[in-house]
Every structure is written in structure tokens, then in C-alpha cells.
Amino acid sequence: CASSKPSLSKDQKKEAAAYQARKKNGFKDPGLEQHRKNCVAQKKKLRHVEDPLAQKKKAAKVQQQKSRKKKKAPKISSPLLDSAAGGLILNENELQKQRKNLRSR
């Protein structure tokens, strides 16, 4: 009666070794863990692509902005021109208004 521990059978030893290996890996399924690693590696290789609807909306918005800019193009107003005199006729107040408009654009 030197040892009070009962001897383990071969099956019990295999089961204990498998349990220790799972415990060492944090009880993670090795097949699932390998699959997860493969998925992460594959995801790194992929190229990011935006949602097609989002791309269409963005393109439409850019097109609208371009058309608005074209509509807002500065035009020479007729009160500033005097074709009879052959040039620009601006008094001091009109000149200040025009300069103010140029700064705000």
C-alpha cells in the first residue's frame, strides 16, 4: 500500500493528455481556430469596396455640386458697363460692393 492513487488505464491517460492539451490552448477548438486564422489571412488580402448604392449617391452628389458651381458663375452686370461711354462706370459705393462680393466668394 505504498501509493494510495489508483493506476490509470491507457484510455484514461489519453483522455487526460487530451484534456491537458485543450486546457493549455484555452479550451479552443483547434479546427475552428485554424479556420479563423485562415479567414483573417484571407480578409487581409481582399480589397475594400464601397457599397454600390453609396457610390452612386456620392457620384450624384458630386455631379450636383458641379452643376451648381456652373450655375453660380459670376456674370458681369449691365449697370456696371456703359457701352456709350466705352468702359466701366463705377462710383465709389458700387466699387466697394463689387470688391466685397469678390472677397466672399
N, C-alpha and C. Protein backbone atom coordinates (compact mmCIF):
# COMPACT_ATOMS: atom_id res chain seq x y z
N CYS A 1 0.82 -1.19 0.00
CA CYS A 1 0.00 0.00 0.00
C CYS A 1 0.86 1.25 0.00
N ALA A 2 1.84 1.27 -0.82
CA ALA A 2 2.74 2.41 -0.89
C ALA A 2 2.07 3.61 -1.54
N SER A 3 1.23 3.38 -2.55
CA SER A 3 0.57 4.51 -3.18
C SER A 3 -0.93 4.39 -3.03
N SER A 4 -1.55 5.50 -2.68
CA SER A 4 -2.99 5.48 -2.49
C SER A 4 -3.73 5.84 -3.79
N LYS A 5 -2.98 6.26 -4.84
CA LYS A 5 -3.59 6.59 -6.12
C LYS A 5 -3.88 5.31 -6.89
N PRO A 6 -5.05 5.27 -7.48
CA PRO A 6 -5.31 4.11 -8.34
C PRO A 6 -4.59 4.31 -9.67
N SER A 7 -4.13 3.23 -10.29
CA SER A 7 -3.42 3.35 -11.56
C SER A 7 -4.42 3.64 -12.68
N LEU A 8 -3.97 4.46 -13.63
CA LEU A 8 -4.83 4.87 -14.73
C LEU A 8 -4.67 3.92 -15.91
N SER A 9 -5.76 3.65 -16.59
CA SER A 9 -5.70 2.80 -17.78
C SER A 9 -5.19 3.64 -18.96
N LYS A 10 -4.90 3.00 -20.08
CA LYS A 10 -4.40 3.68 -21.27
C LYS A 10 -5.41 4.71 -21.77
N ASP A 11 -6.68 4.34 -21.80
CA ASP A 11 -7.71 5.26 -22.26
C ASP A 11 -7.80 6.49 -21.37
N GLN A 12 -7.69 6.27 -20.08
CA GLN A 12 -7.76 7.39 -19.15
C GLN A 12 -6.55 8.31 -19.30
N LYS A 13 -5.39 7.72 -19.57
CA LYS A 13 -4.18 8.52 -19.77
C LYS A 13 -4.31 9.37 -21.05
N LYS A 14 -4.85 8.77 -22.13
CA LYS A 14 -5.04 9.51 -23.38
C LYS A 14 -6.03 10.67 -23.17
N GLU A 15 -7.09 10.36 -22.44
CA GLU A 15 -8.10 11.39 -22.18
C GLU A 15 -7.53 12.51 -21.34
N ALA A 16 -6.70 12.16 -20.35
CA ALA A 16 -6.08 13.17 -19.50
C ALA A 16 -5.10 14.03 -20.31
N ALA A 17 -4.35 13.42 -21.20
CA ALA A 17 -3.40 14.16 -22.04
C ALA A 17 -4.15 15.10 -22.98
N ALA A 18 -5.25 14.61 -23.55
CA ALA A 18 -6.05 15.46 -24.44
C ALA A 18 -6.65 16.63 -23.66
N TYR A 19 -7.10 16.35 -22.45
CA TYR A 19 -7.67 17.41 -21.62
C TYR A 19 -6.61 18.47 -21.30
N GLN A 20 -5.40 18.04 -20.96
CA GLN A 20 -4.33 18.99 -20.65
C GLN A 20 -3.96 19.84 -21.88
N ALA A 21 -3.98 19.21 -23.06
CA ALA A 21 -3.68 19.96 -24.29
C ALA A 21 -4.77 21.00 -24.55
N ARG A 22 -6.05 20.64 -24.36
CA ARG A 22 -7.14 21.60 -24.55
C ARG A 22 -7.06 22.71 -23.52
N LYS A 23 -6.70 22.36 -22.30
CA LYS A 23 -6.59 23.35 -21.24
C LYS A 23 -5.47 24.34 -21.56
N LYS A 24 -4.37 23.83 -22.10
CA LYS A 24 -3.23 24.67 -22.46
C LYS A 24 -3.62 25.68 -23.55
N ASN A 25 -4.49 25.29 -24.48
CA ASN A 25 -4.94 26.16 -25.57
C ASN A 25 -6.17 26.98 -25.20
N GLY A 26 -6.57 26.95 -23.96
CA GLY A 26 -7.73 27.75 -23.54
C GLY A 26 -9.05 27.13 -23.95
N PHE A 27 -9.09 25.83 -24.13
CA PHE A 27 -10.28 25.07 -24.49
C PHE A 27 -10.87 25.53 -25.83
N LYS A 28 -9.99 25.96 -26.74
CA LYS A 28 -10.43 26.36 -28.08
C LYS A 28 -10.39 25.14 -29.00
N ASP A 29 -11.35 25.08 -29.88
CA ASP A 29 -11.38 24.00 -30.86
C ASP A 29 -10.27 24.25 -31.87
N PRO A 30 -9.30 23.34 -32.00
CA PRO A 30 -8.16 23.61 -32.90
C PRO A 30 -8.58 23.77 -34.36
N GLY A 31 -9.56 23.00 -34.81
CA GLY A 31 -10.03 23.14 -36.20
C GLY A 31 -10.68 24.48 -36.43
N LEU A 32 -11.48 24.92 -35.48
CA LEU A 32 -12.15 26.21 -35.59
C LEU A 32 -11.13 27.35 -35.52
N GLU A 33 -10.15 27.20 -34.67
CA GLU A 33 -9.10 28.23 -34.53
C GLU A 33 -8.31 28.35 -35.84
N GLN A 34 -8.00 27.23 -36.47
CA GLN A 34 -7.28 27.25 -37.74
C GLN A 34 -8.14 27.92 -38.82
N HIS A 35 -9.43 27.61 -38.83
CA HIS A 35 -10.35 28.23 -39.80
C HIS A 35 -10.41 29.74 -39.59
N ARG A 36 -10.45 30.17 -38.35
CA ARG A 36 -10.49 31.60 -38.04
C ARG A 36 -9.22 32.29 -38.54
N LYS A 37 -8.09 31.68 -38.32
CA LYS A 37 -6.82 32.26 -38.78
C LYS A 37 -6.78 32.35 -40.31
N ASN A 38 -7.29 31.33 -40.98
CA ASN A 38 -7.35 31.36 -42.45
C ASN A 38 -8.26 32.48 -42.94
N CYS A 39 -9.39 32.66 -42.25
CA CYS A 39 -10.32 33.74 -42.64
C CYS A 39 -9.69 35.12 -42.44
N VAL A 40 -8.97 35.29 -41.35
CA VAL A 40 -8.31 36.57 -41.09
C VAL A 40 -7.25 36.85 -42.16
N ALA A 41 -6.49 35.83 -42.53
CA ALA A 41 -5.46 36.00 -43.56
C ALA A 41 -6.10 36.32 -44.91
N GLN A 42 -7.21 35.66 -45.22
CA GLN A 42 -7.90 35.92 -46.49
C GLN A 42 -8.48 37.32 -46.52
N LYS A 43 -9.00 37.78 -45.38
CA LYS A 43 -9.61 39.11 -45.31
C LYS A 43 -8.56 40.19 -45.55
N LYS A 44 -7.33 39.97 -45.09
CA LYS A 44 -6.26 40.94 -45.30
C LYS A 44 -5.94 41.08 -46.79
N LYS A 45 -6.11 40.00 -47.55
CA LYS A 45 -5.80 40.03 -48.97
C LYS A 45 -6.88 40.73 -49.79
N LEU A 46 -8.08 40.82 -49.25
CA LEU A 46 -9.19 41.40 -50.00
C LEU A 46 -9.06 42.90 -50.14
N ARG A 47 -9.62 43.43 -51.20
CA ARG A 47 -9.61 44.86 -51.47
C ARG A 47 -10.95 45.43 -50.99
N HIS A 48 -10.90 46.52 -50.24
CA HIS A 48 -12.12 47.12 -49.72
C HIS A 48 -12.89 47.80 -50.86
N VAL A 49 -14.18 47.49 -50.95
CA VAL A 49 -15.04 48.09 -51.97
C VAL A 49 -16.26 48.66 -51.26
N GLU A 50 -16.62 49.89 -51.63
CA GLU A 50 -17.77 50.52 -51.01
C GLU A 50 -19.06 49.88 -51.53
N ASP A 51 -20.13 50.14 -50.82
CA ASP A 51 -21.44 49.70 -51.22
C ASP A 51 -21.80 50.36 -52.56
N PRO A 52 -22.29 49.60 -53.56
CA PRO A 52 -22.59 50.20 -54.87
C PRO A 52 -23.60 51.34 -54.79
N LEU A 53 -24.59 51.23 -53.92
CA LEU A 53 -25.57 52.31 -53.79
C LEU A 53 -24.92 53.57 -53.23
N ALA A 54 -24.02 53.39 -52.28
CA ALA A 54 -23.32 54.53 -51.70
C ALA A 54 -22.45 55.21 -52.76
N GLN A 55 -21.83 54.43 -53.63
CA GLN A 55 -21.01 55.00 -54.69
C GLN A 55 -21.86 55.82 -55.65
N LYS A 56 -23.05 55.31 -55.99
CA LYS A 56 -23.94 56.03 -56.90
C LYS A 56 -24.41 57.34 -56.28
N LYS A 57 -24.75 57.29 -54.99
CA LYS A 57 -25.20 58.50 -54.31
C LYS A 57 -24.09 59.54 -54.26
N LYS A 58 -22.87 59.09 -54.00
CA LYS A 58 -21.73 60.00 -53.93
C LYS A 58 -21.46 60.64 -55.29
N ALA A 59 -21.54 59.84 -56.35
CA ALA A 59 -21.31 60.36 -57.70
C ALA A 59 -22.40 61.37 -58.07
N ALA A 60 -23.64 61.09 -57.70
CA ALA A 60 -24.74 62.02 -57.99
C ALA A 60 -24.55 63.33 -57.24
N LYS A 61 -24.09 63.25 -56.00
CA LYS A 61 -23.88 64.45 -55.20
C LYS A 61 -22.77 65.31 -55.80
N VAL A 62 -21.70 64.68 -56.25
CA VAL A 62 -20.60 65.41 -56.88
C VAL A 62 -21.09 66.08 -58.15
N GLN A 63 -21.91 65.37 -58.93
CA GLN A 63 -22.44 65.93 -60.17
C GLN A 63 -23.32 67.14 -59.88
N GLN A 64 -24.13 67.06 -58.82
CA GLN A 64 -24.99 68.19 -58.44
C GLN A 64 -24.14 69.40 -58.06
N GLN A 65 -23.09 69.17 -57.30
CA GLN A 65 -22.23 70.26 -56.88
C GLN A 65 -21.56 70.92 -58.09
N LYS A 66 -21.14 70.12 -59.05
CA LYS A 66 -20.52 70.68 -60.25
C LYS A 66 -21.51 71.53 -61.03
N SER A 67 -22.75 71.04 -61.14
CA SER A 67 -23.74 71.81 -61.89
C SER A 67 -24.11 73.09 -61.15
N ARG A 68 -24.12 73.06 -59.83
CA ARG A 68 -24.39 74.27 -59.05
C ARG A 68 -23.29 75.31 -59.25
N LYS A 69 -22.05 74.84 -59.29
CA LYS A 69 -20.93 75.77 -59.50
C LYS A 69 -21.02 76.43 -60.86
N LYS A 70 -21.43 75.66 -61.86
CA LYS A 70 -21.57 76.23 -63.20
C LYS A 70 -22.67 77.27 -63.24
N LYS A 71 -23.76 77.03 -62.51
CA LYS A 71 -24.87 77.98 -62.48
C LYS A 71 -24.49 79.25 -61.74
N LYS A 72 -23.62 79.14 -60.76
CA LYS A 72 -23.24 80.29 -59.93
C LYS A 72 -22.06 81.06 -60.52
N ALA A 73 -21.72 80.82 -61.76
CA ALA A 73 -20.59 81.52 -62.38
C ALA A 73 -20.87 83.02 -62.39
N PRO A 74 -19.88 83.81 -62.02
CA PRO A 74 -20.10 85.26 -61.96
C PRO A 74 -20.37 85.84 -63.34
N LYS A 75 -21.36 86.70 -63.41
CA LYS A 75 -21.72 87.36 -64.66
C LYS A 75 -21.52 88.85 -64.49
N ILE A 76 -21.14 89.47 -65.54
CA ILE A 76 -20.96 90.93 -65.50
C ILE A 76 -22.33 91.57 -65.58
N SER A 77 -22.64 92.37 -64.59
CA SER A 77 -23.95 93.00 -64.57
C SER A 77 -23.96 94.23 -65.46
N SER A 78 -25.09 94.49 -66.07
CA SER A 78 -25.20 95.58 -67.03
C SER A 78 -25.08 96.98 -66.43
N PRO A 79 -25.50 97.25 -65.17
CA PRO A 79 -25.34 98.62 -64.67
C PRO A 79 -23.88 99.07 -64.58
N LEU A 80 -22.98 98.11 -64.52
CA LEU A 80 -21.57 98.49 -64.40
C LEU A 80 -20.95 98.88 -65.74
N LEU A 81 -21.55 98.39 -66.80
CA LEU A 81 -21.00 98.69 -68.12
C LEU A 81 -21.76 99.85 -68.76
N ASP A 82 -21.03 100.68 -69.37
CA ASP A 82 -21.65 101.76 -70.14
C ASP A 82 -21.04 101.71 -71.53
N SER A 83 -21.77 101.11 -72.43
CA SER A 83 -21.23 100.93 -73.78
C SER A 83 -21.12 102.27 -74.52
N ALA A 84 -21.98 103.22 -74.14
CA ALA A 84 -21.91 104.53 -74.80
C ALA A 84 -20.63 105.25 -74.43
N ALA A 85 -20.22 105.11 -73.17
CA ALA A 85 -19.01 105.79 -72.72
C ALA A 85 -17.78 104.99 -73.09
N GLY A 86 -17.98 103.69 -73.40
CA GLY A 86 -16.86 102.88 -73.85
C GLY A 86 -16.07 102.26 -72.71
N GLY A 87 -16.66 102.07 -71.52
CA GLY A 87 -15.91 101.46 -70.44
C GLY A 87 -16.76 101.26 -69.21
N LEU A 88 -16.10 101.00 -68.12
CA LEU A 88 -16.78 100.80 -66.85
C LEU A 88 -17.09 102.13 -66.18
N ILE A 89 -18.29 102.20 -65.65
CA ILE A 89 -18.65 103.37 -64.88
C ILE A 89 -19.01 102.89 -63.49
N LEU A 90 -18.16 103.16 -62.53
CA LEU A 90 -18.40 102.76 -61.14
C LEU A 90 -18.20 103.98 -60.26
N ASN A 91 -19.17 104.16 -59.40
CA ASN A 91 -18.92 105.17 -58.38
C ASN A 91 -18.28 104.48 -57.19
N GLU A 92 -17.97 105.20 -56.17
CA GLU A 92 -17.24 104.66 -55.03
C GLU A 92 -18.03 103.56 -54.32
N ASN A 93 -19.33 103.73 -54.11
CA ASN A 93 -20.15 102.73 -53.41
C ASN A 93 -20.26 101.44 -54.22
N GLU A 94 -20.49 101.55 -55.52
CA GLU A 94 -20.59 100.36 -56.36
C GLU A 94 -19.28 99.59 -56.39
N LEU A 95 -18.18 100.31 -56.40
CA LEU A 95 -16.87 99.67 -56.38
C LEU A 95 -16.67 98.88 -55.09
N GLN A 96 -17.06 99.44 -53.95
CA GLN A 96 -16.92 98.75 -52.67
C GLN A 96 -17.82 97.51 -52.63
N LYS A 97 -19.03 97.60 -53.18
CA LYS A 97 -19.93 96.43 -53.21
C LYS A 97 -19.33 95.31 -54.04
N GLN A 98 -18.78 95.66 -55.19
CA GLN A 98 -18.19 94.65 -56.06
C GLN A 98 -16.97 93.99 -55.40
N ARG A 99 -16.15 94.77 -54.73
CA ARG A 99 -14.98 94.21 -54.04
C ARG A 99 -15.41 93.30 -52.90
N LYS A 100 -16.47 93.68 -52.20
CA LYS A 100 -16.99 92.89 -51.10
C LYS A 100 -17.49 91.53 -51.62
N ASN A 101 -18.19 91.55 -52.76
CA ASN A 101 -18.67 90.32 -53.37
C ASN A 101 -17.51 89.41 -53.79
N LEU A 102 -16.45 89.99 -54.28
CA LEU A 102 -15.30 89.18 -54.70
C LEU A 102 -14.64 88.49 -53.50
N ARG A 103 -14.57 89.16 -52.37
CA ARG A 103 -13.96 88.59 -51.17
C ARG A 103 -14.79 87.41 -50.63
N SER A 104 -16.10 87.50 -50.71
CA SER A 104 -16.96 86.48 -50.11
C SER A 104 -16.99 85.19 -50.93
N ARG A 105 -16.60 85.24 -52.16
CA ARG A 105 -16.62 84.01 -52.98
C ARG A 105 -15.47 83.20 -52.63
